Amino acid sequence: MSSKNKAIAPQTATQPSPFNPLRPRSLRLRLVLWYGLLITIALTGFAVLVLSFTTNALNQSVESSVRTEAHAVSVEVNSELLSVPPYWPKNLVLRSPDTYQDAGIVVEVIDAQGIVRYDSDSTSAARIPSNTAVAQAVREGHTYEYNDRYDGQPVRIEALPVRISQQQSTGSNGATTSNPGNNITATPSTTSSVQEPVIGTILVAHTLSNTSATLTLLQSLLLLIGGVTLIVTLLGGWAIATRVLHPLAEIATTAHTIAATTARGTRIGNLSQRVKSTDGHDEMAQVVDAFNDMLSDLQKATQGQRRFIADASHELRAPLTTIQGNLAFLQQHGDMLPSEERQTMLNDAYNEVLSLAALVEDLLLLARADANADTSLFSHSRETQGKKTYIVELDRVALQLVRQLRGRLNAEENAPVLEIGSIEPVHIQSDEESIRRILLILLDNAIKYTAAQKESGKGCITVSVERREQEAIIVVSDDGIGIEADALEHIFERFYRADLARSRQGTGLGLAIAKTLTEQLGGHIAAESIPGKGSTFNLFLPL
């Protein structure tokens, strides 16, 4: 066969997803990392804002200081100028150099020929840097501000022109030119009239070392505080996440423990385990409570299933044993028995078959109810048999059943008396067949246990039909043997019968079927009882 015709079997096995280092498997770690990322972003944004505002504030402070000092120097220089050429005094005397040095300021005064007339930092050979742009701006009568380096340190410099006029006033009525790339601005000087020539330049340099040191210290503090805050936050987040997610870890541990003790397909593990409830009513507490409630329901369902299987086996074994024994005896010794005894044994076997068939029918009904938990049982029956719901006259149904049972009871000895109580005309939209079956179960149960109590006299069973608000109520009460308090809560369980009633007829499924049918009709059933005085069953159906 050609290779083109060869079929390639598809790869059906699912491959495990590769480990992604950017997505940790631990939910706790992911929460902490996300928390840390958000805190880092917040701290970084805060640090950037603090540094930006601080830098602007310090720069504005330095610029203001330079302008103020330049104005003061200009006033002093103008006061020292001579009124006749060359205007410059032999020794230009300004404030003490220490005053400038203490403030981190260097002042130089240079005449038009480039001769240094004054230098506040005479101990250093360095000169305040200048260039042609500065010289051009000064010659045009502008002040010029820029950043540069002096003696290896960053400085803010302002250059002002010196004029021969005594009418000097710096810092007003001027337009400023700037060089954004070098933080340079130029402002027309008002130290003299525009027509008067410039005879020199004042250079004032303010160190930026303090500003840089302050910003460096601030950066270090922000980095230290941010780092400590981030570490503390991560540790706190880890602790909080551990505490918050601890119930989930316990849930996982409990689930794994149950799974480890579960035999696949045959037996469920130990469902008696529970997760310790957390204090409070938060979401995690709700998850724990819901998980524990689920385990409780599963445990009850499992126990009920096991009990159901055991009871069903017991109930099935009894008639099968009778049938098997009778048939085996007849097979071996049938020819030797009189016809009357042979017929009696056959009748016994036939009656056991009828009981067995009734039991199987009841079991099938309950099995269908379990398999169709989301669909009403009587709806399922209607779909298969073509039935529909109609208006049901509860008073008519109750009266018919009472009349039918009266005829049967009249032929029996020590049978209880069926009486009609309060009968109100009540109509509901429901399934009459299911309601009849429920009433028959309740009446049969009442007849069975009332007759036993009243062997010396006739007992009494009363049937009533009432209407209360949005519900129809059928009440079946008797004055029979009653039900013990500890047994009352179990009477609707499958195969449950009180010890006193173990020898009585029935499979123990009647009340369980009645409860199932009632719930499928949208109603509910309740029982009240006083031992030795009788019981009352209330059937509630929606209108």
Protein backbone atom coordinates (compact mmCIF):
# COMPACT_ATOMS: atom_id res chain seq x y z
CA MET A 1 0.00 0.00 0.00
CA SER A 2 1.25 3.45 -0.84
CA SER A 3 2.43 5.57 2.02
CA LYS A 4 -0.09 8.20 0.95
CA ASN A 5 -2.89 5.82 1.90
CA LYS A 6 -1.56 4.99 5.33
CA ALA A 7 -3.73 6.36 8.12
CA ILE A 8 -1.93 8.03 10.93
CA ALA A 9 -3.48 7.41 14.32
CA PRO A 10 -4.24 10.67 16.12
CA GLN A 11 -2.47 11.44 19.34
CA THR A 12 -5.26 11.36 21.88
CA ALA A 13 -3.15 11.46 25.00
CA THR A 14 -3.08 14.89 26.51
CA GLN A 15 0.34 16.22 27.25
CA PRO A 16 0.90 17.98 30.55
CA SER A 17 1.23 21.70 30.16
CA PRO A 18 4.86 22.84 30.42
CA PHE A 19 5.92 24.70 33.52
CA ASN A 20 5.76 28.44 33.05
CA PRO A 21 8.25 30.21 35.33
CA LEU A 22 6.30 33.45 34.89
CA ARG A 23 3.20 31.83 36.37
CA PRO A 24 3.96 30.15 39.70
CA ARG A 25 1.78 27.19 40.60
CA SER A 26 1.20 28.46 44.11
CA LEU A 27 -1.82 30.76 44.41
CA ARG A 28 -0.31 32.23 47.55
CA LEU A 29 2.93 33.11 45.72
CA ARG A 30 1.01 34.62 42.81
CA LEU A 31 -1.04 36.78 45.17
CA VAL A 32 2.09 37.96 46.98
CA LEU A 33 3.91 38.72 43.71
CA TRP A 34 0.97 40.69 42.36
CA TYR A 35 0.68 42.50 45.67
CA GLY A 36 4.41 43.25 45.61
CA LEU A 37 4.19 44.48 42.01
CA LEU A 38 1.38 46.89 42.87
CA ILE A 39 3.24 48.15 45.94
CA THR A 40 6.42 48.59 43.86
CA ILE A 41 4.55 50.62 41.25
CA ALA A 42 2.96 52.75 43.96
CA LEU A 43 6.28 53.34 45.75
CA THR A 44 8.06 54.13 42.49
CA GLY A 45 5.40 56.63 41.51
CA PHE A 46 5.56 58.23 44.95
CA ALA A 47 9.37 58.43 44.81
CA VAL A 48 9.32 59.98 41.33
CA LEU A 49 6.84 62.62 42.45
CA VAL A 50 8.84 63.44 45.60
CA LEU A 51 12.10 63.69 43.64
CA SER A 52 10.48 65.81 40.94
CA PHE A 53 8.93 68.28 43.38
CA THR A 54 12.09 68.43 45.51
CA THR A 55 14.34 68.97 42.47
CA ASN A 56 12.14 71.77 41.17
CA ALA A 57 12.00 73.40 44.61
CA LEU A 58 15.79 73.24 45.07
CA ASN A 59 16.48 74.54 41.56
CA GLN A 60 14.08 77.43 42.06
CA SER A 61 15.75 78.19 45.39
CA VAL A 62 19.22 78.26 43.78
CA GLU A 63 18.03 80.41 40.88
CA SER A 64 16.39 82.85 43.25
CA SER A 65 19.55 82.98 45.37
CA VAL A 66 21.74 83.61 42.30
CA ARG A 67 19.49 86.41 41.07
CA THR A 68 19.36 88.04 44.50
CA GLU A 69 23.13 87.86 44.93
CA ALA A 70 23.77 89.12 41.39
CA HIS A 71 21.52 92.10 42.01
CA ALA A 72 23.32 92.91 45.27
CA VAL A 73 26.76 92.65 43.61
CA SER A 74 25.60 94.86 40.74
CA VAL A 75 24.51 97.54 43.19
CA GLU A 76 27.84 97.35 45.03
CA VAL A 77 29.87 97.53 41.81
CA ASN A 78 27.92 100.52 40.53
CA SER A 79 28.48 102.30 43.80
CA GLU A 80 32.25 101.79 43.47
CA LEU A 81 32.59 103.01 39.86
CA LEU A 82 34.24 106.35 39.17
CA SER A 83 32.45 109.10 37.30
CA VAL A 84 35.28 109.59 34.77
CA PRO A 85 37.08 107.14 32.51
CA PRO A 86 38.32 104.51 32.90
CA TYR A 87 35.58 104.36 35.60
CA TRP A 88 37.18 101.45 37.40
CA PRO A 89 38.78 102.16 40.77
CA LYS A 90 42.29 100.91 41.32
CA ASN A 91 41.05 98.41 43.93
CA LEU A 92 37.44 97.33 43.66
CA VAL A 93 36.23 96.61 47.17
CA LEU A 94 33.09 94.50 47.76
CA ARG A 95 31.93 92.37 50.67
CA SER A 96 34.28 90.04 52.46
CA PRO A 97 35.08 86.94 50.37
CA ASP A 98 34.16 84.78 53.38
CA THR A 99 30.59 85.96 53.02
CA TYR A 100 30.42 84.51 49.54
CA GLN A 101 32.30 81.35 50.39
CA ASP A 102 30.00 80.57 53.31
CA ALA A 103 27.02 80.84 50.97
CA GLY A 104 28.70 78.70 48.30
CA ILE A 105 28.95 81.66 45.92
CA VAL A 106 31.83 82.86 43.74
CA VAL A 107 31.81 86.40 42.30
CA GLU A 108 34.00 87.72 39.51
CA VAL A 109 33.97 91.23 38.02
CA ILE A 110 35.70 91.58 34.63
CA ASP A 111 36.12 94.80 32.67
CA ALA A 112 35.68 95.19 28.94
CA GLN A 113 39.35 94.35 28.29
CA GLY A 114 39.00 91.02 30.13
CA ILE A 115 40.92 92.13 33.21
CA VAL A 116 39.61 90.60 36.43
CA ARG A 117 38.76 93.52 38.68
CA TYR A 118 37.42 91.39 41.52
CA ASP A 119 37.52 87.68 42.46
CA SER A 120 35.93 86.45 45.68
CA ASP A 121 37.82 83.13 45.42
CA SER A 122 41.35 84.46 45.01
CA THR A 123 42.79 81.26 46.49
CA SER A 124 41.75 79.26 43.44
CA ALA A 125 43.25 79.58 39.99
CA ALA A 126 39.95 78.52 38.44
CA ARG A 127 37.79 81.01 36.63
CA ILE A 128 34.05 81.14 36.18
CA PRO A 129 33.48 79.70 32.69
CA SER A 130 32.14 81.95 29.96
CA ASN A 131 31.80 81.81 26.21
CA THR A 132 30.97 83.92 23.19
CA ALA A 133 27.24 83.54 23.71
CA VAL A 134 27.60 84.96 27.21
CA ALA A 135 29.80 87.81 25.98
CA GLN A 136 27.39 88.61 23.16
CA ALA A 137 24.40 88.71 25.51
CA VAL A 138 26.23 90.94 27.99
CA ARG A 139 27.35 93.36 25.25
CA GLU A 140 23.72 93.65 24.20
CA GLY A 141 22.77 94.54 27.76
CA HIS A 142 21.19 91.23 28.76
CA THR A 143 21.64 89.08 31.81
CA TYR A 144 22.55 85.51 31.04
CA GLU A 145 21.86 82.44 33.20
CA TYR A 146 23.32 79.01 32.57
CA ASN A 147 24.70 75.87 34.22
CA ASP A 148 28.35 74.89 33.99
CA ARG A 149 31.18 73.54 36.11
CA TYR A 150 33.56 75.57 38.25
CA ASP A 151 36.61 74.02 39.81
CA GLY A 152 35.14 70.59 39.06
CA GLN A 153 31.80 71.30 40.70
CA PRO A 154 28.43 72.00 39.07
CA VAL A 155 27.32 75.61 39.42
CA ARG A 156 24.50 77.91 38.41
CA ILE A 157 25.90 81.12 36.82
CA GLU A 158 24.38 84.50 36.10
CA ALA A 159 26.19 87.09 33.97
CA LEU A 160 25.25 90.79 34.20
CA PRO A 161 26.58 93.80 32.23
CA VAL A 162 28.26 96.72 34.03
CA ARG A 163 27.40 100.17 32.67
CA ILE A 164 28.76 103.56 33.55
CA SER A 165 25.34 104.95 34.42
CA GLN A 166 24.50 105.47 38.06
CA GLN A 167 20.78 104.90 37.34
CA GLN A 168 20.87 101.16 37.81
CA SER A 169 18.07 98.87 38.63
CA THR A 170 18.48 95.18 37.89
CA GLY A 171 15.80 92.64 37.18
CA SER A 172 12.85 94.58 35.72
CA ASN A 173 11.40 95.53 32.34
CA GLY A 174 13.41 92.90 30.51
CA ALA A 175 12.69 90.08 28.13
CA THR A 176 14.49 86.83 28.78
CA THR A 177 16.14 84.69 26.12
CA SER A 178 17.00 81.10 26.82
CA ASN A 179 18.94 78.09 25.68
CA PRO A 180 16.88 75.09 26.86
CA GLY A 181 19.64 72.61 26.16
CA ASN A 182 21.95 74.28 28.66
CA ASN A 183 19.49 75.84 31.11
CA ILE A 184 20.49 79.30 29.84
CA THR A 185 18.39 82.47 29.98
CA ALA A 186 19.24 86.03 28.97
CA THR A 187 17.45 89.12 30.28
CA PRO A 188 18.00 92.79 29.17
CA SER A 189 19.81 94.61 31.93
CA THR A 190 18.25 97.70 33.41
CA THR A 191 21.45 98.77 35.13
CA SER A 192 21.70 101.72 32.71
CA SER A 193 20.08 103.24 29.69
CA VAL A 194 20.34 101.27 26.50
CA GLN A 195 22.58 103.94 24.89
CA GLU A 196 25.30 103.76 27.56
CA PRO A 197 28.14 101.36 26.77
CA VAL A 198 28.95 98.19 28.74
CA ILE A 199 32.27 98.51 30.53
CA GLY A 200 32.38 95.10 32.20
CA THR A 201 30.73 91.86 33.25
CA ILE A 202 29.63 90.51 36.62
CA LEU A 203 29.72 86.71 36.94
CA VAL A 204 27.99 85.15 39.95
CA ALA A 205 28.28 81.36 40.36
CA HIS A 206 26.27 79.40 42.93
CA THR A 207 27.38 75.87 43.69
CA LEU A 208 24.92 73.03 42.99
CA SER A 209 26.82 70.56 45.17
CA ASN A 210 24.44 71.04 48.07
CA THR A 211 21.49 70.49 45.79
CA SER A 212 23.06 67.35 44.33
CA ALA A 213 23.96 66.10 47.81
CA THR A 214 20.42 66.73 49.03
CA LEU A 215 18.93 64.91 46.05
CA THR A 216 21.38 62.03 46.47
CA LEU A 217 20.49 61.75 50.15
CA LEU A 218 16.80 61.92 49.31
CA GLN A 219 17.20 59.20 46.68
CA SER A 220 19.04 57.00 49.18
CA LEU A 221 16.36 57.55 51.81
CA LEU A 222 13.56 56.85 49.35
CA LEU A 223 15.34 53.72 48.13
CA LEU A 224 15.94 52.53 51.69
CA ILE A 225 12.43 53.31 52.89
CA GLY A 226 10.91 51.85 49.72
CA GLY A 227 12.98 48.68 50.01
CA VAL A 228 12.12 48.19 53.67
CA THR A 229 8.46 48.94 52.97
CA LEU A 230 8.42 46.48 50.07
CA ILE A 231 10.06 43.72 52.13
CA VAL A 232 7.73 44.28 55.08
CA THR A 233 4.77 44.40 52.72
CA LEU A 234 5.78 41.16 50.99
CA LEU A 235 6.30 39.39 54.32
CA GLY A 236 3.00 40.73 55.61
CA GLY A 237 1.27 39.78 52.37
CA TRP A 238 2.74 36.27 52.58
CA ALA A 239 1.50 35.92 56.17
CA ILE A 240 -1.95 37.26 55.30
CA ALA A 241 -2.20 35.06 52.19
CA THR A 242 -1.13 32.05 54.24
CA ARG A 243 -3.79 32.77 56.85
CA VAL A 244 -6.50 33.50 54.30
CA LEU A 245 -5.72 30.49 52.09
CA HIS A 246 -5.19 28.08 54.99
CA PRO A 247 -8.80 26.82 54.83
CA LEU A 248 -8.31 26.04 51.13
CA ALA A 249 -5.21 24.03 51.98
CA GLU A 250 -7.20 22.11 54.60
CA ILE A 251 -9.98 21.51 52.08
CA ALA A 252 -7.45 20.14 49.58
CA THR A 253 -5.86 17.94 52.26
CA THR A 254 -9.24 16.58 53.32
CA ALA A 255 -10.26 15.91 49.72
CA HIS A 256 -6.96 14.11 49.00
CA THR A 257 -7.38 12.02 52.16
CA ILE A 258 -10.88 10.99 51.14
CA ALA A 259 -9.69 10.23 47.61
CA ALA A 260 -6.82 8.13 48.96
CA THR A 261 -9.26 5.91 50.88
CA THR A 262 -11.69 5.60 47.99
CA ALA A 263 -11.85 2.38 45.99
CA ARG A 264 -12.51 3.46 42.43
CA GLY A 265 -16.03 2.55 41.39
CA THR A 266 -16.75 0.35 44.41
CA ARG A 267 -16.48 2.26 47.67
CA ILE A 268 -16.34 5.90 48.74
CA GLY A 269 -13.68 6.85 51.25
CA ASN A 270 -14.06 8.18 54.78
CA LEU A 271 -16.60 11.00 54.56
CA SER A 272 -16.67 11.64 58.30
CA GLN A 273 -13.74 14.07 58.05
CA ARG A 274 -14.45 17.78 58.31
CA VAL A 275 -12.52 20.99 57.77
CA LYS A 276 -12.24 23.15 60.87
CA SER A 277 -14.63 26.05 60.56
CA THR A 278 -13.14 29.54 60.58
CA ASP A 279 -14.47 32.35 62.72
CA GLY A 280 -16.55 34.94 60.97
CA HIS A 281 -18.84 34.98 57.96
CA ASP A 282 -16.46 35.96 55.17
CA GLU A 283 -16.19 34.26 51.78
CA MET A 284 -13.61 31.73 52.97
CA ALA A 285 -15.81 30.75 55.91
CA GLN A 286 -18.69 30.26 53.48
CA VAL A 287 -16.50 28.00 51.31
CA VAL A 288 -15.52 25.90 54.35
CA ASP A 289 -19.13 25.65 55.54
CA ALA A 290 -20.32 24.72 52.06
CA PHE A 291 -17.61 22.04 51.79
CA ASN A 292 -18.51 20.59 55.19
CA ASP A 293 -22.21 20.66 54.32
CA MET A 294 -21.43 18.85 51.08
CA LEU A 295 -19.47 16.18 52.98
CA SER A 296 -22.34 15.80 55.44
CA ASP A 297 -24.84 15.37 52.61
CA LEU A 298 -22.55 12.91 50.83
CA GLN A 299 -22.06 10.98 54.05
CA LYS A 300 -25.79 10.80 54.68
CA ALA A 301 -26.44 9.81 51.07
CA THR A 302 -23.73 7.14 51.19
CA GLN A 303 -24.98 5.77 54.49
CA GLY A 304 -28.52 5.80 53.16
CA GLN A 305 -27.39 4.02 50.01
CA ARG A 306 -25.57 1.36 52.01
CA ARG A 307 -28.54 0.93 54.32
CA PHE A 308 -30.84 0.85 51.31
CA ILE A 309 -28.80 -1.92 49.67
CA ALA A 310 -28.68 -3.92 52.89
CA ASP A 311 -32.41 -3.51 53.57
CA ALA A 312 -33.33 -4.23 49.96
CA SER A 313 -31.25 -7.39 50.08
CA HIS A 314 -32.98 -8.42 53.30
CA GLU A 315 -36.45 -7.69 51.95
CA LEU A 316 -35.74 -9.54 48.71
CA ARG A 317 -34.17 -12.51 50.45
CA ALA A 318 -37.18 -13.32 52.62
CA PRO A 319 -39.72 -13.97 49.82
CA LEU A 320 -37.09 -15.59 47.64
CA THR A 321 -36.20 -17.96 50.47
CA THR A 322 -39.86 -18.91 50.90
CA ILE A 323 -40.33 -19.42 47.17
CA GLN A 324 -37.12 -21.43 46.86
CA GLY A 325 -37.98 -23.62 49.87
CA ASN A 326 -41.52 -24.36 48.73
CA LEU A 327 -40.53 -25.12 45.16
CA ALA A 328 -37.60 -27.29 46.24
CA PHE A 329 -39.82 -29.28 48.59
CA LEU A 330 -42.49 -29.69 45.93
CA GLN A 331 -39.88 -30.78 43.41
CA GLN A 332 -38.58 -33.52 45.70
CA HIS A 333 -41.71 -34.60 47.57
CA GLY A 334 -44.57 -33.16 45.55
CA ASP A 335 -45.91 -36.55 44.53
CA MET A 336 -46.08 -37.67 48.14
CA LEU A 337 -48.11 -34.67 49.40
CA PRO A 338 -51.85 -34.46 49.46
CA SER A 339 -53.28 -32.13 46.85
CA GLU A 340 -54.48 -29.71 49.51
CA GLU A 341 -51.00 -29.25 51.01
CA ARG A 342 -49.47 -29.03 47.56
CA GLN A 343 -51.94 -26.30 46.62
CA THR A 344 -51.25 -24.46 49.88
CA MET A 345 -47.51 -24.40 49.22
CA LEU A 346 -48.11 -23.19 45.67
CA ASN A 347 -50.40 -20.45 46.95
CA ASP A 348 -47.74 -19.38 49.46
CA ALA A 349 -45.14 -19.24 46.73
CA TYR A 350 -47.51 -17.26 44.50
CA ASN A 351 -48.26 -14.77 47.27
CA GLU A 352 -44.54 -14.31 47.88
CA VAL A 353 -44.08 -13.67 44.15
CA LEU A 354 -46.77 -11.00 44.33
CA SER A 355 -45.06 -9.42 47.33
CA LEU A 356 -41.75 -9.60 45.52
CA ALA A 357 -43.24 -7.96 42.42
CA ALA A 358 -44.71 -5.16 44.54
CA LEU A 359 -41.36 -4.64 46.23
CA VAL A 360 -39.53 -4.52 42.90
CA GLU A 361 -42.11 -2.04 41.57
CA ASP A 362 -41.58 0.19 44.59
CA LEU A 363 -37.81 -0.04 44.21
CA LEU A 364 -38.11 0.82 40.53
CA LEU A 365 -40.24 3.84 41.38
CA LEU A 366 -37.67 5.11 43.88
CA ALA A 367 -34.82 4.39 41.47
CA ARG A 368 -36.53 6.48 38.80
CA ALA A 369 -36.98 9.27 41.33
CA ASP A 370 -33.27 9.19 42.12
CA ALA A 371 -32.29 9.08 38.44
CA ASN A 372 -34.56 12.01 37.60
CA ALA A 373 -33.91 14.26 40.57
CA ASP A 374 -34.35 17.40 38.44
CA THR A 375 -37.59 16.20 36.85
CA SER A 376 -40.81 15.60 38.74
CA LEU A 377 -41.72 11.96 39.02
CA PHE A 378 -45.31 12.38 37.95
CA SER A 379 -44.19 14.45 34.95
CA HIS A 380 -41.93 11.57 33.94
CA SER A 381 -44.91 9.22 34.25
CA ARG A 382 -47.10 11.50 32.12
CA GLU A 383 -44.46 11.65 29.39
CA THR A 384 -44.26 7.88 29.19
CA GLN A 385 -47.99 7.20 29.52
CA GLY A 386 -49.39 10.30 27.83
CA LYS A 387 -50.98 11.72 31.00
CA LYS A 388 -51.58 15.38 31.67
CA THR A 389 -52.36 17.35 34.80
CA TYR A 390 -55.94 18.40 35.38
CA ILE A 391 -57.92 20.21 37.99
CA VAL A 392 -58.10 17.80 40.93
CA GLU A 393 -60.97 18.04 43.41
CA LEU A 394 -59.26 16.99 46.62
CA ASP A 395 -62.51 16.74 48.58
CA ARG A 396 -63.96 14.33 45.98
CA VAL A 397 -60.77 12.20 45.89
CA ALA A 398 -60.68 11.94 49.69
CA LEU A 399 -64.38 11.00 49.96
CA GLN A 400 -64.07 8.33 47.24
CA LEU A 401 -61.10 6.68 48.95
CA VAL A 402 -62.86 6.71 52.33
CA ARG A 403 -65.95 5.03 50.83
CA GLN A 404 -63.83 2.40 49.07
CA LEU A 405 -61.85 1.53 52.18
CA ARG A 406 -64.97 1.45 54.37
CA GLY A 407 -66.31 -1.41 52.29
CA ARG A 408 -63.12 -3.40 52.80
CA LEU A 409 -62.88 -2.64 56.52
CA ASN A 410 -66.49 -3.61 57.22
CA ALA A 411 -65.62 -7.18 56.28
CA GLU A 412 -62.71 -7.37 58.74
CA GLU A 413 -62.77 -7.93 62.47
CA ASN A 414 -61.31 -5.30 64.81
CA ALA A 415 -60.89 -2.98 61.83
CA PRO A 416 -60.76 0.74 62.64
CA VAL A 417 -63.56 3.09 61.74
CA LEU A 418 -62.98 5.59 58.93
CA GLU A 419 -64.54 8.96 59.66
CA ILE A 420 -64.76 12.13 57.63
CA GLY A 421 -63.64 15.27 59.37
CA SER A 422 -63.74 18.80 58.01
CA ILE A 423 -64.01 18.61 54.22
CA GLU A 424 -63.64 21.87 52.31
CA PRO A 425 -64.02 22.09 48.54
CA VAL A 426 -60.42 22.51 47.35
CA HIS A 427 -59.32 22.34 43.70
CA ILE A 428 -55.69 22.19 42.59
CA GLN A 429 -53.79 21.68 39.33
CA SER A 430 -51.98 18.38 39.87
CA ASP A 431 -51.85 14.65 39.12
CA GLU A 432 -54.82 12.81 40.61
CA GLU A 433 -53.22 9.37 40.31
CA SER A 434 -50.23 10.41 42.42
CA ILE A 435 -52.45 12.04 45.04
CA ARG A 436 -54.57 8.87 45.27
CA ARG A 437 -51.47 6.76 45.80
CA ILE A 438 -50.18 9.06 48.54
CA LEU A 439 -53.54 8.98 50.35
CA LEU A 440 -53.74 5.20 50.03
CA ILE A 441 -50.29 4.87 51.59
CA LEU A 442 -51.22 7.15 54.49
CA LEU A 443 -54.57 5.45 55.06
CA ASP A 444 -53.06 1.96 54.78
CA ASN A 445 -50.39 2.93 57.29
CA ALA A 446 -53.03 4.32 59.69
CA ILE A 447 -55.25 1.23 59.34
CA LYS A 448 -52.35 -1.13 59.95
CA TYR A 449 -51.21 0.44 63.23
CA THR A 450 -54.60 1.55 64.53
CA ALA A 451 -56.09 -1.92 64.31
CA ALA A 452 -53.28 -3.35 66.42
CA GLN A 453 -53.89 -0.85 69.21
CA LYS A 454 -57.62 -1.36 69.34
CA GLU A 455 -57.88 -5.13 69.53
CA SER A 456 -60.41 -4.82 72.33
CA GLY A 457 -62.35 -2.16 70.48
CA LYS A 458 -62.47 -0.30 67.20
CA GLY A 459 -60.00 2.47 66.57
CA CYS A 460 -60.78 5.64 64.66
CA ILE A 461 -59.15 7.23 61.59
CA THR A 462 -60.20 10.71 60.49
CA VAL A 463 -59.62 12.29 57.07
CA SER A 464 -59.89 16.07 56.60
CA VAL A 465 -59.35 18.43 53.67
CA GLU A 466 -58.56 22.07 54.39
CA ARG A 467 -57.32 25.17 52.65
CA ARG A 468 -54.79 27.52 54.27
CA GLU A 469 -53.53 30.54 52.38
CA GLN A 470 -51.72 29.19 49.28
CA GLU A 471 -51.74 25.51 50.29
CA ALA A 472 -54.19 22.65 50.31
CA ILE A 473 -53.86 20.34 53.32
CA ILE A 474 -55.04 16.75 53.63
CA VAL A 475 -54.93 15.51 57.23
CA VAL A 476 -54.97 11.80 58.12
CA SER A 477 -55.11 11.24 61.89
CA ASP A 478 -55.55 8.09 63.95
CA ASP A 479 -55.65 7.00 67.59
CA GLY A 480 -53.36 4.01 67.09
CA ILE A 481 -50.08 3.00 68.70
CA GLY A 482 -48.29 6.22 67.79
CA ILE A 483 -44.61 6.68 66.99
CA GLU A 484 -41.74 7.15 69.40
CA ALA A 485 -40.00 10.53 69.24
CA ASP A 486 -36.63 9.07 68.25
CA ALA A 487 -38.25 7.12 65.41
CA LEU A 488 -40.44 9.95 64.13
CA GLU A 489 -37.61 11.66 62.23
CA HIS A 490 -36.77 8.42 60.38
CA ILE A 491 -40.19 7.20 59.30
CA PHE A 492 -39.83 8.64 55.78
CA GLU A 493 -36.55 6.83 55.20
CA ARG A 494 -36.53 3.82 52.91
CA PHE A 495 -37.05 0.43 54.58
CA TYR A 496 -37.34 2.09 57.98
CA ARG A 497 -39.70 0.46 60.45
CA ALA A 498 -39.75 0.86 64.20
CA ASP A 499 -38.65 -2.20 66.17
CA LEU A 500 -42.18 -2.74 67.41
CA ALA A 501 -43.42 -2.93 63.84
CA ARG A 502 -40.74 -5.20 62.40
CA SER A 503 -43.08 -8.14 62.28
CA ARG A 504 -45.85 -6.27 60.49
CA GLN A 505 -46.67 -6.53 56.82
CA GLY A 506 -45.15 -4.20 54.28
CA THR A 507 -41.76 -3.41 52.83
CA GLY A 508 -41.04 -0.22 54.71
CA LEU A 509 -41.12 1.78 51.46
CA GLY A 510 -44.64 3.19 51.66
CA LEU A 511 -43.92 6.44 53.49
CA ALA A 512 -40.69 6.92 51.52
CA ILE A 513 -42.70 6.67 48.29
CA ALA A 514 -45.34 9.04 49.67
CA LYS A 515 -42.65 11.59 50.54
CA THR A 516 -41.04 11.24 47.10
CA LEU A 517 -44.34 11.66 45.25
CA THR A 518 -45.29 14.64 47.41
CA GLU A 519 -42.01 16.41 46.70
CA GLN A 520 -42.39 15.74 42.98
CA LEU A 521 -45.83 17.38 43.19
CA GLY A 522 -44.19 20.46 44.71
CA GLY A 523 -45.50 19.83 48.21
CA HIS A 524 -44.27 18.38 51.47
CA ILE A 525 -45.44 15.97 54.12
CA ALA A 526 -45.09 16.12 57.91
CA ALA A 527 -45.95 13.82 60.78
CA GLU A 528 -46.87 14.37 64.42
CA SER A 529 -47.32 11.63 66.97
CA ILE A 530 -47.86 10.90 70.65
CA PRO A 531 -46.90 7.34 71.63
CA GLY A 532 -49.98 5.40 72.73
CA LYS A 533 -52.40 8.09 71.55
CA GLY A 534 -52.00 8.15 67.78
CA SER A 535 -50.40 9.93 64.85
CA THR A 536 -51.30 12.70 62.43
CA PHE A 537 -49.94 13.05 58.88
CA ASN A 538 -50.31 16.39 57.10
CA LEU A 539 -50.03 16.46 53.31
CA PHE A 540 -49.33 19.99 51.98
CA LEU A 541 -49.91 20.63 48.26
CA PRO A 542 -49.59 23.94 46.40
CA LEU A 543 -52.76 25.46 45.02
